[in-house]
C-alpha atoms as a PDB file:
ATOM      1  CA  MET A   1       0.180  12.040  27.252  1.00  0.00           C
ATOM      2  CA  ASN A   2       0.173  15.778  26.317  1.00  0.00           C
ATOM      3  CA  LEU A   3       1.116  15.463  22.792  1.00  0.00           C
ATOM      4  CA  ALA A   4       0.466  19.148  22.384  1.00  0.00           C
ATOM      5  CA  SER A   5       3.477  19.781  24.314  1.00  0.00           C
ATOM      6  CA  ILE A   6       5.736  18.343  21.778  1.00  0.00           C
ATOM      7  CA  PRO A   7       7.538  21.156  19.844  1.00  0.00           C
ATOM      8  CA  ARG A   8       6.773  21.195  15.955  1.00  0.00           C
ATOM      9  CA  GLN A   9      10.433  21.222  15.274  1.00  0.00           C
ATOM     10  CA  GLU A  10      10.628  17.665  16.802  1.00  0.00           C
ATOM     11  CA  LEU A  11       8.215  16.130  14.370  1.00  0.00           C
ATOM     12  CA  PRO A  12      10.353  15.172  11.578  1.00  0.00           C
ATOM     13  CA  ASP A  13      12.593  13.042  13.814  1.00  0.00           C
ATOM     14  CA  ILE A  14       9.461  11.538  15.636  1.00  0.00           C
ATOM     15  CA  LEU A  15       7.795  10.652  12.342  1.00  0.00           C
ATOM     16  CA  ARG A  16      11.049   8.625  11.224  1.00  0.00           C
ATOM     17  CA  ARG A  17      11.491   7.011  14.650  1.00  0.00           C
ATOM     18  CA  MET A  18       7.896   6.181  15.561  1.00  0.00           C
ATOM     19  CA  PRO A  19       6.814   2.455  15.146  1.00  0.00           C
ATOM     20  CA  LYS A  20       4.240   2.200  12.349  1.00  0.00           C
ATOM     21  CA  ALA A  21       2.675  -0.254  10.019  1.00  0.00           C
ATOM     22  CA  GLU A  22       2.295   0.000   6.138  1.00  0.00           C
ATOM     23  CA  LEU A  23      -0.872  -1.235   4.603  1.00  0.00           C
ATOM     24  CA  HIS A  24      -0.630  -0.147   0.918  1.00  0.00           C
ATOM     25  CA  ILE A  25       2.481  -1.036  -0.697  1.00  0.00           C
ATOM     26  CA  HIS A  26       2.646  -2.702  -4.022  1.00  0.00           C
ATOM     27  CA  ILE A  27       5.787  -4.661  -4.312  1.00  0.00           C
ATOM     28  CA  GLU A  28       6.215  -4.302  -8.000  1.00  0.00           C
ATOM     29  CA  GLY A  29       6.193  -0.587  -7.292  1.00  0.00           C
ATOM     30  CA  SER A  30       9.116  -0.886  -4.881  1.00  0.00           C
ATOM     31  CA  LEU A  31      11.296  -2.120  -7.797  1.00  0.00           C
ATOM     32  CA  GLU A  32      13.974   0.674  -7.959  1.00  0.00           C
ATOM     33  CA  PRO A  33      15.652   1.327 -11.426  1.00  0.00           C
ATOM     34  CA  GLU A  34      18.922  -0.107 -10.132  1.00  0.00           C
ATOM     35  CA  LEU A  35      17.336  -3.313  -9.442  1.00  0.00           C
ATOM     36  CA  ILE A  36      15.544  -3.293 -12.772  1.00  0.00           C
ATOM     37  CA  PHE A  37      18.735  -3.145 -14.694  1.00  0.00           C
ATOM     38  CA  ALA A  38      20.472  -5.661 -12.498  1.00  0.00           C
ATOM     39  CA  MET A  39      17.563  -8.055 -13.086  1.00  0.00           C
ATOM     40  CA  ALA A  40      17.458  -7.479 -16.852  1.00  0.00           C
ATOM     41  CA  ARG A  41      21.258  -8.192 -16.949  1.00  0.00           C
ATOM     42  CA  ARG A  42      20.753 -11.411 -15.051  1.00  0.00           C
ATOM     43  CA  ASN A  43      17.809 -12.459 -17.308  1.00  0.00           C
ATOM     44  CA  GLY A  44      19.207 -11.287 -20.605  1.00  0.00           C
ATOM     45  CA  ILE A  45      16.353  -8.685 -21.072  1.00  0.00           C
ATOM     46  CA  GLU A  46      17.083  -5.572 -23.252  1.00  0.00           C
ATOM     47  CA  LEU A  47      15.421  -2.428 -21.716  1.00  0.00           C
ATOM     48  CA  PRO A  48      14.181   0.440 -23.951  1.00  0.00           C
ATOM     49  CA  TYR A  49      16.210   2.957 -21.728  1.00  0.00           C
ATOM     50  CA  PRO A  50      19.883   3.216 -21.928  1.00  0.00           C
ATOM     51  CA  SER A  51      20.821   4.047 -18.316  1.00  0.00           C
ATOM     52  CA  VAL A  52      19.260   4.016 -14.799  1.00  0.00           C
ATOM     53  CA  GLU A  53      19.121   7.658 -14.957  1.00  0.00           C
ATOM     54  CA  ALA A  54      17.076   7.735 -18.361  1.00  0.00           C
ATOM     55  CA  LEU A  55      14.573   5.279 -16.834  1.00  0.00           C
ATOM     56  CA  ARG A  56      14.094   7.411 -13.865  1.00  0.00           C
ATOM     57  CA  ALA A  57      13.582  10.555 -15.979  1.00  0.00           C
ATOM     58  CA  ALA A  58      10.766   8.780 -17.605  1.00  0.00           C
ATOM     59  CA  TYR A  59       8.723   8.700 -14.228  1.00  0.00           C
ATOM     60  CA  ALA A  60       6.846  11.897 -15.201  1.00  0.00           C
ATOM     61  CA  PHE A  61       2.979  10.701 -15.193  1.00  0.00           C
ATOM     62  CA  THR A  62      -0.005  12.613 -16.084  1.00  0.00           C
ATOM     63  CA  ASP A  63      -2.506  10.188 -14.570  1.00  0.00           C
ATOM     64  CA  LEU A  64      -2.820   6.615 -13.243  1.00  0.00           C
ATOM     65  CA  GLN A  65      -2.830   4.975 -16.641  1.00  0.00           C
ATOM     66  CA  SER A  66       0.426   6.676 -17.815  1.00  0.00           C
ATOM     67  CA  PHE A  67       1.978   5.348 -14.637  1.00  0.00           C
ATOM     68  CA  LEU A  68       0.699   1.799 -15.046  1.00  0.00           C
ATOM     69  CA  ASP A  69       2.101   1.690 -18.676  1.00  0.00           C
ATOM     70  CA  ILE A  70       5.676   2.115 -17.280  1.00  0.00           C
ATOM     71  CA  TYR A  71       5.030   0.101 -14.155  1.00  0.00           C
ATOM     72  CA  TYR A  72       3.948  -2.930 -16.202  1.00  0.00           C
ATOM     73  CA  ALA A  73       7.061  -2.423 -18.450  1.00  0.00           C
ATOM     74  CA  GLY A  74       9.285  -2.419 -15.449  1.00  0.00           C
ATOM     75  CA  ALA A  75       7.827  -5.494 -13.942  1.00  0.00           C
ATOM     76  CA  GLY A  76       8.812  -7.368 -17.119  1.00  0.00           C
ATOM     77  CA  VAL A  77      12.255  -7.976 -15.671  1.00  0.00           C
ATOM     78  CA  LEU A  78      10.886 -10.265 -12.909  1.00  0.00           C
ATOM     79  CA  ILE A  79      11.191 -13.949 -14.226  1.00  0.00           C
ATOM     80  CA  THR A  80      12.622 -16.088 -11.524  1.00  0.00           C
ATOM     81  CA  GLU A  81      11.732 -16.818  -7.982  1.00  0.00           C
ATOM     82  CA  GLU A  82      14.995 -15.105  -6.925  1.00  0.00           C
ATOM     83  CA  ASP A  83      13.974 -12.106  -8.688  1.00  0.00           C
ATOM     84  CA  PHE A  84      10.680 -11.815  -6.656  1.00  0.00           C
ATOM     85  CA  PHE A  85      12.727 -12.647  -3.521  1.00  0.00           C
ATOM     86  CA  ASP A  86      15.219  -9.873  -4.057  1.00  0.00           C
ATOM     87  CA  MET A  87      12.593  -7.335  -4.831  1.00  0.00           C
ATOM     88  CA  ALA A  88      10.670  -8.058  -1.675  1.00  0.00           C
ATOM     89  CA  TRP A  89      13.858  -8.363   0.541  1.00  0.00           C
ATOM     90  CA  SER A  90      15.134  -4.996  -0.765  1.00  0.00           C
ATOM     91  CA  TYR A  91      11.843  -3.350   0.324  1.00  0.00           C
ATOM     92  CA  LEU A  92      11.583  -5.265   3.635  1.00  0.00           C
ATOM     93  CA  VAL A  93      15.087  -4.023   4.509  1.00  0.00           C
ATOM     94  CA  ARG A  94      14.344  -0.475   3.675  1.00  0.00           C
ATOM     95  CA  ALA A  95      11.018  -0.659   5.762  1.00  0.00           C
ATOM     96  CA  ARG A  96      12.657  -1.969   8.718  1.00  0.00           C
ATOM     97  CA  GLU A  97      15.235   0.872   8.706  1.00  0.00           C
ATOM     98  CA  GLU A  98      12.190   3.295   8.698  1.00  0.00           C
ATOM     99  CA  ASN A  99      10.674   1.608  11.902  1.00  0.00           C
ATOM    100  CA  VAL A 100       7.905  -0.062   9.888  1.00  0.00           C
ATOM    101  CA  ILE A 101       7.185  -3.070  12.189  1.00  0.00           C
ATOM    102  CA  HIS A 102       4.334  -4.512  10.015  1.00  0.00           C
ATOM    103  CA  SER A 103       3.682  -4.360   6.470  1.00  0.00           C
ATOM    104  CA  GLU A 104       0.717  -5.816   4.380  1.00  0.00           C
ATOM    105  CA  ILE A 105       2.239  -6.351   0.916  1.00  0.00           C
ATOM    106  CA  PHE A 106       0.236  -6.220  -2.281  1.00  0.00           C
ATOM    107  CA  PHE A 107       1.255  -8.289  -5.305  1.00  0.00           C
ATOM    108  CA  ASP A 108       0.102  -8.537  -8.866  1.00  0.00           C
ATOM    109  CA  PRO A 109       0.197 -12.209 -10.094  1.00  0.00           C
ATOM    110  CA  GLN A 110      -1.645 -11.395 -13.266  1.00  0.00           C
ATOM    111  CA  THR A 111       1.149  -8.975 -14.425  1.00  0.00           C
ATOM    112  CA  HIS A 112       3.454 -11.880 -14.221  1.00  0.00           C
ATOM    113  CA  THR A 113       1.475 -15.109 -15.217  1.00  0.00           C
ATOM    114  CA  ALA A 114       0.352 -13.201 -18.444  1.00  0.00           C
ATOM    115  CA  ARG A 115       4.068 -13.331 -19.418  1.00  0.00           C
ATOM    116  CA  GLY A 116       4.466 -17.093 -18.709  1.00  0.00           C
ATOM    117  CA  VAL A 117       5.923 -16.590 -15.362  1.00  0.00           C
ATOM    118  CA  PRO A 118       4.722 -19.484 -13.021  1.00  0.00           C
ATOM    119  CA  PHE A 119       2.583 -18.516 -10.143  1.00  0.00           C
ATOM    120  CA  ALA A 120       4.716 -20.626  -7.933  1.00  0.00           C
ATOM    121  CA  ALA A 121       7.679 -18.517  -8.873  1.00  0.00           C
ATOM    122  CA  VAL A 122       5.950 -15.359  -7.876  1.00  0.00           C
ATOM    123  CA  ILE A 123       4.423 -16.459  -4.532  1.00  0.00           C
ATOM    124  CA  ASN A 124       7.339 -18.505  -3.382  1.00  0.00           C
ATOM    125  CA  GLY A 125       9.861 -15.866  -3.788  1.00  0.00           C
ATOM    126  CA  LEU A 126       7.802 -13.195  -2.028  1.00  0.00           C
ATOM    127  CA  ASP A 127       7.136 -15.750   0.855  1.00  0.00           C
ATOM    128  CA  ARG A 128      10.518 -16.486   1.252  1.00  0.00           C
ATOM    129  CA  ALA A 129      11.381 -12.841   1.641  1.00  0.00           C
ATOM    130  CA  VAL A 130       8.478 -12.412   4.183  1.00  0.00           C
ATOM    131  CA  ARG A 131       9.796 -15.351   6.269  1.00  0.00           C
ATOM    132  CA  ARG A 132      13.207 -14.168   6.298  1.00  0.00           C
ATOM    133  CA  GLY A 133      12.090 -10.597   7.286  1.00  0.00           C
ATOM    134  CA  ARG A 134      10.370 -12.070  10.215  1.00  0.00           C
ATOM    135  CA  GLU A 135      13.552 -14.107  11.277  1.00  0.00           C
ATOM    136  CA  GLU A 136      16.380 -11.649  10.536  1.00  0.00           C
ATOM    137  CA  LEU A 137      14.610  -8.324  10.841  1.00  0.00           C
ATOM    138  CA  GLY A 138      11.903  -8.873  13.348  1.00  0.00           C
ATOM    139  CA  LEU A 139       9.626  -7.342  10.671  1.00  0.00           C
ATOM    140  CA  SER A 140       6.059  -8.866  10.531  1.00  0.00           C
ATOM    141  CA  ALA A 141       4.606  -9.006   6.913  1.00  0.00           C
ATOM    142  CA  SER A 142       1.821 -10.687   5.094  1.00  0.00           C
ATOM    143  CA  LEU A 143       0.868 -10.899   1.481  1.00  0.00           C
ATOM    144  CA  ILE A 144      -2.350  -9.704  -0.252  1.00  0.00           C
ATOM    145  CA  LEU A 145      -3.065 -10.952  -3.699  1.00  0.00           C
ATOM    146  CA  CYS A 146      -4.478  -8.200  -5.942  1.00  0.00           C
ATOM    147  CA  PHE A 147      -6.697  -8.700  -9.055  1.00  0.00           C
ATOM    148  CA  LEU A 148      -6.148  -6.352 -11.906  1.00  0.00           C
ATOM    149  CA  ARG A 149      -9.370  -4.595 -12.568  1.00  0.00           C
ATOM    150  CA  HIS A 150      -8.599  -3.788 -16.234  1.00  0.00           C
ATOM    151  CA  LEU A 151      -8.737  -7.610 -16.879  1.00  0.00           C
ATOM    152  CA  SER A 152     -11.899  -9.678 -16.714  1.00  0.00           C
ATOM    153  CA  GLU A 153     -13.527 -11.255 -13.683  1.00  0.00           C
ATOM    154  CA  ALA A 154     -12.978 -14.559 -15.506  1.00  0.00           C
ATOM    155  CA  ASP A 155      -9.342 -13.960 -15.460  1.00  0.00           C
ATOM    156  CA  ALA A 156      -9.457 -12.935 -11.774  1.00  0.00           C
ATOM    157  CA  LEU A 157     -11.234 -16.297 -10.897  1.00  0.00           C
ATOM    158  CA  ALA A 158      -8.747 -18.363 -12.862  1.00  0.00           C
ATOM    159  CA  THR A 159      -5.876 -16.529 -10.998  1.00  0.00           C
ATOM    160  CA  LEU A 160      -7.615 -17.364  -7.537  1.00  0.00           C
ATOM    161  CA  GLU A 161      -7.822 -21.027  -8.598  1.00  0.00           C
ATOM    162  CA  GLN A 162      -3.969 -20.862  -9.400  1.00  0.00           C
ATOM    163  CA  ALA A 163      -3.432 -19.427  -6.047  1.00  0.00           C
ATOM    164  CA  LEU A 164      -5.473 -21.844  -3.879  1.00  0.00           C
ATOM    165  CA  PRO A 165      -2.674 -24.352  -3.616  1.00  0.00           C
ATOM    166  CA  PHE A 166      -0.639 -21.486  -1.919  1.00  0.00           C
ATOM    167  CA  ARG A 167      -3.504 -20.365   0.283  1.00  0.00           C
ATOM    168  CA  ASP A 168      -1.276 -20.622   3.465  1.00  0.00           C
ATOM    169  CA  LYS A 169       1.139 -17.759   1.893  1.00  0.00           C
ATOM    170  CA  PHE A 170      -1.328 -14.955   1.541  1.00  0.00           C
ATOM    171  CA  ILE A 171      -3.842 -13.503   3.945  1.00  0.00           C
ATOM    172  CA  GLY A 172      -6.281 -11.777   1.508  1.00  0.00           C
ATOM    173  CA  VAL A 173      -7.247 -10.249  -1.857  1.00  0.00           C
ATOM    174  CA  GLY A 174      -7.382  -6.650  -3.181  1.00  0.00           C
ATOM    175  CA  LEU A 175      -8.336  -4.965  -6.381  1.00  0.00           C
ATOM    176  CA  ASP A 176      -6.048  -2.510  -8.174  1.00  0.00           C
ATOM    177  CA  SER A 177      -5.150  -1.004 -11.558  1.00  0.00           C
ATOM    178  CA  GLY A 178      -7.195   1.509 -13.542  1.00  0.00           C
ATOM    179  CA  GLU A 179     -10.520   2.471 -11.876  1.00  0.00           C
ATOM    180  CA  ARG A 180     -12.043   4.207 -14.933  1.00  0.00           C
ATOM    181  CA  GLY A 181     -14.514   1.760 -16.609  1.00  0.00           C
ATOM    182  CA  ASN A 182     -13.770  -0.952 -14.064  1.00  0.00           C
ATOM    183  CA  PRO A 183     -16.341  -0.458 -11.218  1.00  0.00           C
ATOM    184  CA  PRO A 184     -16.310  -2.676  -8.067  1.00  0.00           C
ATOM    185  CA  GLU A 185     -19.344  -4.486  -9.252  1.00  0.00           C
ATOM    186  CA  LYS A 186     -17.337  -6.134 -12.057  1.00  0.00           C
ATOM    187  CA  PHE A 187     -15.633  -8.178  -9.422  1.00  0.00           C
ATOM    188  CA  ALA A 188     -18.590  -9.086  -7.152  1.00  0.00           C
ATOM    189  CA  ALA A 189     -18.511 -12.836  -7.907  1.00  0.00           C
ATOM    190  CA  VAL A 190     -14.721 -13.479  -7.229  1.00  0.00           C
ATOM    191  CA  PHE A 191     -14.929 -11.420  -4.044  1.00  0.00           C
ATOM    192  CA  GLY A 192     -17.868 -13.525  -2.988  1.00  0.00           C
ATOM    193  CA  ARG A 193     -15.714 -16.593  -3.496  1.00  0.00           C
ATOM    194  CA  CYS A 194     -12.832 -15.110  -1.589  1.00  0.00           C
ATOM    195  CA  ARG A 195     -15.150 -14.323   1.388  1.00  0.00           C
ATOM    196  CA  GLU A 196     -16.332 -18.016   1.484  1.00  0.00           C
ATOM    197  CA  LEU A 197     -12.567 -18.818   1.557  1.00  0.00           C
ATOM    198  CA  GLY A 198     -12.154 -16.633   4.685  1.00  0.00           C
ATOM    199  CA  LEU A 199      -9.714 -14.254   2.978  1.00  0.00           C
ATOM    200  CA  HIS A 200      -9.537 -10.551   4.127  1.00  0.00           C
ATOM    201  CA  LEU A 201     -10.934  -8.237   1.441  1.00  0.00           C
ATOM    202  CA  VAL A 202      -9.621  -4.796   0.379  1.00  0.00           C
ATOM    203  CA  ALA A 203     -10.108  -2.670  -2.603  1.00  0.00           C
ATOM    204  CA  HIS A 204      -8.711   0.417  -4.354  1.00  0.00           C
ATOM    205  CA  ALA A 205     -11.674   3.111  -4.697  1.00  0.00           C
ATOM    206  CA  GLY A 206     -12.024   6.632  -4.742  1.00  0.00           C
ATOM    207  CA  GLU A 207      -8.639   7.557  -6.091  1.00  0.00           C
ATOM    208  CA  GLU A 208      -9.621   8.555  -9.778  1.00  0.00           C
ATOM    209  CA  GLY A 209     -12.908   6.750  -9.406  1.00  0.00           C
ATOM    210  CA  PRO A 210     -15.970   8.674  -7.665  1.00  0.00           C
ATOM    211  CA  ALA A 211     -17.033   8.269  -4.219  1.00  0.00           C
ATOM    212  CA  ARG A 212     -19.669   5.849  -5.140  1.00  0.00           C
ATOM    213  CA  TYR A 213     -17.124   3.439  -5.987  1.00  0.00           C
ATOM    214  CA  ILE A 214     -16.236   3.403  -2.325  1.00  0.00           C
ATOM    215  CA  SER A 215     -19.719   2.702  -1.276  1.00  0.00           C
ATOM    216  CA  ASP A 216     -19.845  -0.018  -3.987  1.00  0.00           C
ATOM    217  CA  ALA A 217     -16.541  -1.625  -2.825  1.00  0.00           C
ATOM    218  CA  LEU A 218     -18.179  -1.828   0.795  1.00  0.00           C
ATOM    219  CA  ASP A 219     -21.666  -3.083  -0.260  1.00  0.00           C
ATOM    220  CA  LEU A 220     -20.821  -5.265  -3.220  1.00  0.00           C
ATOM    221  CA  LEU A 221     -17.512  -6.533  -2.502  1.00  0.00           C
ATOM    222  CA  LYS A 222     -17.683  -6.471   1.431  1.00  0.00           C
ATOM    223  CA  ALA A 223     -14.400  -4.781   1.551  1.00  0.00           C
ATOM    224  CA  GLU A 224     -13.023  -4.359   4.969  1.00  0.00           C
ATOM    225  CA  ARG A 225     -10.783  -1.685   4.082  1.00  0.00           C
ATOM    226  CA  ILE A 226     -10.499   0.885   1.361  1.00  0.00           C
ATOM    227  CA  ASP A 227      -7.343   1.792  -0.382  1.00  0.00           C
ATOM    228  CA  HIS A 228      -6.960   5.431  -1.171  1.00  0.00           C
ATOM    229  CA  GLY A 229     -10.596   6.532  -0.657  1.00  0.00           C
ATOM    230  CA  VAL A 230      -9.534  10.173  -0.548  1.00  0.00           C
ATOM    231  CA  ARG A 231     -12.779  11.097  -2.763  1.00  0.00           C
ATOM    232  CA  CYS A 232     -15.020  10.026   0.059  1.00  0.00           C
ATOM    233  CA  LEU A 233     -15.320  13.679   1.075  1.00  0.00           C
ATOM    234  CA  GLU A 234     -17.538  14.229  -2.137  1.00  0.00           C
ATOM    235  CA  ASP A 235     -20.210  12.272  -0.300  1.00  0.00           C
ATOM    236  CA  PRO A 236     -21.186  13.468   3.310  1.00  0.00           C
ATOM    237  CA  ALA A 237     -23.233  10.528   4.033  1.00  0.00           C
ATOM    238  CA  LEU A 238     -20.508   8.119   3.040  1.00  0.00           C
ATOM    239  CA  VAL A 239     -17.920  10.103   5.332  1.00  0.00           C
ATOM    240  CA  ALA A 240     -20.209   9.635   8.226  1.00  0.00           C
ATOM    241  CA  ARG A 241     -20.566   5.980   7.409  1.00  0.00           C
ATOM    242  CA  LEU A 242     -16.839   5.488   7.275  1.00  0.00           C
ATOM    243  CA  ALA A 243     -16.319   7.216  10.571  1.00  0.00           C
ATOM    244  CA  ALA A 244     -19.167   5.372  12.306  1.00  0.00           C
ATOM    245  CA  GLU A 245     -18.045   2.013  11.039  1.00  0.00           C
ATOM    246  CA  GLY A 246     -14.358   2.431  11.599  1.00  0.00           C
ATOM    247  CA  VAL A 247     -13.577   1.630   7.828  1.00  0.00           C
ATOM    248  CA  ALA A 248      -9.789   2.408   7.351  1.00  0.00           C
ATOM    249  CA  LEU A 249      -8.537   4.163   4.420  1.00  0.00           C
ATOM    250  CA  THR A 250      -4.915   3.597   3.323  1.00  0.00           C
ATOM    251  CA  VAL A 251      -3.961   7.047   1.951  1.00  0.00           C
ATOM    252  CA  CYS A 252      -0.807   7.493  -0.194  1.00  0.00           C
ATOM    253  CA  PRO A 253       0.016  11.488  -0.395  1.00  0.00           C
ATOM    254  CA  LEU A 254       2.989  11.315  -2.609  1.00  0.00           C
ATOM    255  CA  SER A 255       1.258   8.903  -5.084  1.00  0.00           C
ATOM    256  CA  ASN A 256      -2.036  11.219  -4.921  1.00  0.00           C
ATOM    257  CA  VAL A 257       0.218  14.282  -6.032  1.00  0.00           C
ATOM    258  CA  LYS A 258       2.277  12.379  -8.649  1.00  0.00           C
ATOM    259  CA  LEU A 259      -0.826  10.906 -10.224  1.00  0.00           C
ATOM    260  CA  LYS A 260      -2.734  14.309 -10.159  1.00  0.00           C
ATOM    261  CA  VAL A 261      -5.370  13.327  -7.578  1.00  0.00           C
ATOM    262  CA  PHE A 262      -4.298  16.681  -5.801  1.00  0.00           C
ATOM    263  CA  PRO A 263      -2.376  19.281  -7.551  1.00  0.00           C
ATOM    264  CA  GLU A 264       0.097  19.707  -4.546  1.00  0.00           C
ATOM    265  CA  LEU A 265       0.583  18.220  -1.046  1.00  0.00           C
ATOM    266  CA  CYS A 266      -0.643  21.472   0.528  1.00  0.00           C
ATOM    267  CA  ARG A 267      -4.130  20.665  -1.096  1.00  0.00           C
ATOM    268  CA  HIS A 268      -4.281  17.231   0.307  1.00  0.00           C
ATOM    269  CA  ASN A 269      -7.287  16.338   2.414  1.00  0.00           C
ATOM    270  CA  ILE A 270      -5.652  13.790   4.889  1.00  0.00           C
ATOM    271  CA  GLY A 271      -6.203  16.426   7.689  1.00  0.00           C
ATOM    272  CA  GLU A 272      -9.799  16.880   7.061  1.00  0.00           C
ATOM    273  CA  LEU A 273     -10.138  12.962   6.976  1.00  0.00           C
ATOM    274  CA  LEU A 274      -8.714  12.762  10.467  1.00  0.00           C
ATOM    275  CA  ALA A 275     -10.770  15.625  11.570  1.00  0.00           C
ATOM    276  CA  ARG A 276     -13.869  13.880  10.427  1.00  0.00           C
ATOM    277  CA  GLY A 277     -13.056  10.813  12.473  1.00  0.00           C
ATOM    278  CA  ILE A 278     -11.887   8.522   9.669  1.00  0.00           C
ATOM    279  CA  VAL A 279      -9.411   5.871  10.363  1.00  0.00           C
ATOM    280  CA  ALA A 280      -7.026   7.359   7.840  1.00  0.00           C
ATOM    281  CA  THR A 281      -3.490   5.786   7.398  1.00  0.00           C
ATOM    282  CA  ILE A 282      -0.312   7.022   5.471  1.00  0.00           C
ATOM    283  CA  ASN A 283       1.457   4.644   3.032  1.00  0.00           C
ATOM    284  CA  SER A 284       3.755   4.810   0.094  1.00  0.00           C
ATOM    285  CA  ASP A 285       1.837   2.866  -2.590  1.00  0.00           C
ATOM    286  CA  ASP A 286       4.613   2.560  -5.197  1.00  0.00           C
ATOM    287  CA  PRO A 287       7.648   4.198  -3.607  1.00  0.00           C
ATOM    288  CA  ALA A 288      10.080   3.623  -6.477  1.00  0.00           C
ATOM    289  CA  TYR A 289       8.032   5.462  -8.989  1.00  0.00           C
ATOM    290  CA  PHE A 290       6.436   8.323  -6.670  1.00  0.00           C
ATOM    291  CA  GLY A 291       9.505   9.560  -4.968  1.00  0.00           C
ATOM    292  CA  GLY A 292       9.260   8.233  -1.570  1.00  0.00           C
ATOM    293  CA  TYR A 293       8.957   5.334   0.894  1.00  0.00           C
ATOM    294  CA  LEU A 294       6.798   5.541   4.071  1.00  0.00           C
ATOM    295  CA  ASN A 295       8.948   8.100   6.178  1.00  0.00           C
ATOM    296  CA  GLU A 296       9.220  10.253   3.054  1.00  0.00           C
ATOM    297  CA  ASN A 297       5.308  10.415   2.816  1.00  0.00           C
ATOM    298  CA  PHE A 298       5.052  11.115   6.534  1.00  0.00           C
ATOM    299  CA  THR A 299       7.671  13.916   6.590  1.00  0.00           C
ATOM    300  CA  ALA A 300       6.384  15.581   3.289  1.00  0.00           C
ATOM    301  CA  ILE A 301       2.649  15.593   4.250  1.00  0.00           C
ATOM    302  CA  PHE A 302       3.490  17.133   7.603  1.00  0.00           C
ATOM    303  CA  GLU A 303       5.676  19.730   6.287  1.00  0.00           C
ATOM    304  CA  ALA A 304       3.116  20.572   3.636  1.00  0.00           C
ATOM    305  CA  LEU A 305       0.130  20.760   6.183  1.00  0.00           C
ATOM    306  CA  PRO A 306       1.076  22.868   9.215  1.00  0.00           C
ATOM    307  CA  GLU A 307      -2.238  21.751  10.969  1.00  0.00           C
ATOM    308  CA  LEU A 308      -0.877  18.250  11.369  1.00  0.00           C
ATOM    309  CA  GLY A 309       1.015  17.942  14.804  1.00  0.00           C
ATOM    310  CA  ALA A 310       2.100  15.330  17.100  1.00  0.00           C
ATOM    311  CA  GLY A 311      -1.430  14.272  17.894  1.00  0.00           C
ATOM    312  CA  GLU A 312      -2.110  13.574  14.225  1.00  0.00           C
ATOM    313  CA  ALA A 313       1.191  11.556  14.014  1.00  0.00           C
ATOM    314  CA  TYR A 314       0.237   9.430  16.966  1.00  0.00           C
ATOM    315  CA  ARG A 315      -3.107   8.878  15.493  1.00  0.00           C
ATOM    316  CA  LEU A 316      -1.986   7.925  12.178  1.00  0.00           C
ATOM    317  CA  ALA A 317       0.410   5.416  13.525  1.00  0.00           C
ATOM    318  CA  ARG A 318      -2.134   4.058  15.863  1.00  0.00           C
ATOM    319  CA  ASN A 319      -4.607   3.844  12.942  1.00  0.00           C
ATOM    320  CA  SER A 320      -2.054   1.879  11.012  1.00  0.00           C
ATOM    321  CA  PHE A 321      -1.982  -0.761  13.825  1.00  0.00           C
ATOM    322  CA  GLU A 322      -5.720  -0.866  14.411  1.00  0.00           C
ATOM    323  CA  ALA A 323      -6.428  -1.329  10.700  1.00  0.00           C
ATOM    324  CA  SER A 324      -3.925  -4.220  10.292  1.00  0.00           C
ATOM    325  CA  PHE A 325      -5.080  -7.914   9.730  1.00  0.00           C
ATOM    326  CA  VAL A 326      -3.476  -9.479  12.875  1.00  0.00           C
ATOM    327  CA  PRO A 327      -4.527 -10.824  16.050  1.00  0.00           C
ATOM    328  CA  GLU A 328      -5.874  -8.586  18.700  1.00  0.00           C
ATOM    329  CA  GLU A 329      -3.020  -9.580  21.225  1.00  0.00           C
ATOM    330  CA  THR A 330      -0.438  -8.716  18.582  1.00  0.00           C
ATOM    331  CA  ARG A 331      -2.224  -5.229  17.947  1.00  0.00           C
ATOM    332  CA  LYS A 332      -2.491  -4.409  21.608  1.00  0.00           C
ATOM    333  CA  GLY A 333       1.258  -4.997  21.942  1.00  0.00           C
ATOM    334  CA  TRP A 334       2.066  -2.862  19.016  1.00  0.00           C
ATOM    335  CA  ILE A 335       0.061   0.034  20.394  1.00  0.00           C
ATOM    336  CA  GLU A 336       1.479  -0.298  24.019  1.00  0.00           C
ATOM    337  CA  GLY A 337       4.791   0.145  22.170  1.00  0.00           C
ATOM    338  CA  LEU A 338       3.605   3.282  20.215  1.00  0.00           C
ATOM    339  CA  ASP A 339       2.075   4.786  23.489  1.00  0.00           C
ATOM    340  CA  SER A 340       5.525   4.211  25.255  1.00  0.00           C
ATOM    341  CA  PHE A 341       7.347   5.815  22.386  1.00  0.00           C
ATOM    342  CA  PHE A 342       5.243   8.962  22.510  1.00  0.00           C
ATOM    343  CA  ALA A 343       5.280   9.108  26.318  1.00  0.00           C
ATOM    344  CA  GLY A 344       9.152   9.261  26.040  1.00  0.00           C
ATOM    345  CA  CYS A 345       8.710  11.920  23.439  1.00  0.00           C
ATOM    346  CA  CYS A 346       6.512  14.064  25.876  1.00  0.00           C
ATOM    347  CA  ALA A 347       8.930  13.420  28.873  1.00  0.00           C
ATOM    348  CA  ARG A 348      11.990  14.973  27.101  1.00  0.00           C
END
């Protein structure tokens, strides 16, 4: 394939149509204001905002913590299994429209169980949506349980015990919430237990935390994939390691700008990550809050960085499949489909 022959003006359409996977999506972060209000009415909850417009106007964040404050407040409308199903189904329908063919979905049970919501209601609602998505949309999806790093490791271990009766409904665990003051080593024991259980391991690191948190997530938590990871460039030895070991980074451009990791998209380092041989991927993080789902992240970053072309589009989509936690035969089939898609683009 001569990807260089594809005119740049065709890129927006290619980015929207190409098959891709999403590996960094917090399902609670896909909860749109309209759905928040609908669930609040259904569950008899009074919101501190008079309208959908007022709630959306509050999405002006200065850092990760200011986002998390409103994020957790929004999640407070999730009460019943039906709520969790509706939230996940809404995301899956949107993802399929964007030609996402596989998604690995983060969920935060502690956000809900702390409010008295049964763990079963959370995971059964999400799992039902995932199974329906496979059957009706042809969209492959899996769940990854995330521990909140601002809480204690004891709380994480208790959450894991709650989750074990539902072990068949999730494929791995992650670590999210605020990095500041919550280094990876805080959760070494619970990740060790998850490793013994055969769960996949991922962790947020190197977003607002330093590059060292990425190294620690790899060494102490044995993370297979790093969520965000954009600050790796602060450590040349780490960059070389990530490239050599093929450790994927799940990068979220619009989120990075919204949370002030980068001042503007044209300053983002995704191009340099790719140039350094890192298995970088594009993802939406919390799309309802950060102004864009997966395709909007792709089109925005390609518009902002003129050095990104069809070759990078192909590489990012392929990376998303290569970094997915799926059987090799499944991965191979997806990559063959991607190759066919780009071959068709070159032939036009």
